Amino acid sequence: MVDPKCEHLCRLTAVPSALPSRPHLATVWRWGLHGVRGVKLETLLIGGVRYTSDEAVARFISRLNEPGAVREPVNAAAERAGEAPAAMGA
């Protein structure tokens, strides 16, 4: 969780320019709202503005790169229905 007392806060809009690949702003919002392969970017809302921290971005990236730490992507319809990937023949 982002700790505003100990971590350097930045607006979500500033994250793309801080990363080498320069992802689209919509991608960064998706990381914070929905996540990627079960890992969400930690964010907080202050006065209607969504923030994260440099440290939270680093944690997000390291979690995505840990071997075996994230779940495999699942067909969204199957996930909503509660089906396992093995049941779908994957």
Protein backbone atom coordinates (compact mmCIF):
# COMPACT_ATOMS: atom_id res chain seq x y z
CA MET A 1 0.00 0.00 0.00
CA VAL A 2 1.23 3.47 -0.83
CA ASP A 3 2.30 5.33 2.32
CA PRO A 4 2.13 9.08 1.62
CA LYS A 5 4.29 9.81 4.67
CA CYS A 6 7.23 7.66 3.57
CA GLU A 7 7.02 7.42 -0.21
CA HIS A 8 7.48 9.95 -2.99
CA LEU A 9 3.98 10.54 -4.44
CA CYS A 10 3.40 11.30 -8.09
CA ARG A 11 0.25 11.75 -10.13
CA LEU A 12 -0.71 8.78 -12.24
CA THR A 13 -0.35 11.07 -15.25
CA ALA A 14 3.39 11.41 -14.53
CA VAL A 15 4.13 7.67 -14.54
CA PRO A 16 4.40 7.14 -18.34
CA SER A 17 7.16 9.73 -18.70
CA ALA A 18 9.10 8.14 -15.82
CA LEU A 19 9.26 4.71 -17.47
CA PRO A 20 11.64 3.82 -20.30
CA SER A 21 8.94 2.27 -22.51
CA ARG A 22 6.59 5.28 -22.10
CA PRO A 23 3.30 3.34 -21.91
CA HIS A 24 0.10 5.18 -22.78
CA LEU A 25 -1.65 6.89 -19.88
CA ALA A 26 -4.67 4.60 -20.35
CA THR A 27 -2.36 1.63 -19.78
CA VAL A 28 -1.15 3.05 -16.46
CA TRP A 29 -4.75 3.70 -15.38
CA ARG A 30 -5.61 0.09 -16.26
CA TRP A 31 -2.66 -1.12 -14.14
CA GLY A 32 -4.07 0.77 -11.16
CA LEU A 33 -7.75 -0.03 -11.63
CA HIS A 34 -7.70 -3.61 -12.94
CA GLY A 35 -4.11 -4.82 -12.77
CA VAL A 36 -2.10 -7.13 -15.00
CA ARG A 37 -2.11 -10.93 -14.50
CA GLY A 38 -3.41 -10.50 -10.95
CA VAL A 39 -1.01 -7.71 -9.93
CA LYS A 40 -2.37 -4.18 -9.40
CA LEU A 41 -0.42 -0.94 -9.26
CA GLU A 42 -0.95 0.57 -5.82
CA THR A 43 -2.75 3.92 -6.01
CA LEU A 44 -4.60 6.30 -3.74
CA LEU A 45 -7.12 9.04 -4.32
CA ILE A 46 -6.53 12.45 -2.75
CA GLY A 47 -9.01 15.21 -3.51
CA GLY A 48 -10.19 13.58 -6.73
CA VAL A 49 -6.64 13.09 -8.05
CA ARG A 50 -5.22 9.57 -8.41
CA TYR A 51 -1.65 9.16 -7.10
CA THR A 52 0.91 6.40 -6.89
CA SER A 53 4.52 6.45 -5.79
CA ASP A 54 7.87 5.71 -7.40
CA GLU A 55 8.26 2.88 -4.90
CA ALA A 56 4.82 1.43 -5.79
CA VAL A 57 5.74 1.42 -9.49
CA ALA A 58 8.99 -0.40 -8.64
CA ARG A 59 7.07 -2.98 -6.55
CA PHE A 60 4.55 -3.46 -9.37
CA ILE A 61 7.28 -4.08 -11.94
CA SER A 62 9.22 -6.43 -9.66
CA ARG A 63 6.06 -8.47 -8.85
CA LEU A 64 5.32 -8.86 -12.56
CA ASN A 65 8.86 -10.09 -13.16
CA GLU A 66 9.02 -12.62 -10.31
CA PRO A 67 8.92 -16.13 -11.79
CA GLY A 68 5.73 -17.96 -10.84
CA ALA A 69 4.46 -15.08 -8.72
CA VAL A 70 1.64 -13.99 -11.02
CA ARG A 71 -1.27 -16.05 -12.27
CA GLU A 72 -1.59 -16.91 -15.92
CA PRO A 73 -4.08 -14.86 -17.91
CA VAL A 74 -7.50 -16.49 -18.09
CA ASN A 75 -10.25 -15.97 -20.60
CA ALA A 76 -12.35 -13.20 -19.02
CA ALA A 77 -15.66 -14.93 -19.74
CA ALA A 78 -14.41 -18.15 -18.16
CA GLU A 79 -13.11 -16.23 -15.15
CA ARG A 80 -16.52 -14.60 -14.62
CA ALA A 81 -18.19 -17.99 -14.91
CA GLY A 82 -15.74 -19.47 -12.39
CA GLU A 83 -14.27 -22.00 -14.80
CA ALA A 84 -10.64 -23.06 -14.47
CA PRO A 85 -8.31 -22.81 -17.50
CA ALA A 86 -7.90 -26.63 -17.47
CA ALA A 87 -11.66 -27.02 -17.91
CA MET A 88 -11.45 -25.00 -21.09
CA GLY A 89 -8.83 -27.29 -22.60
CA ALA A 90 -5.93 -24.90 -22.00
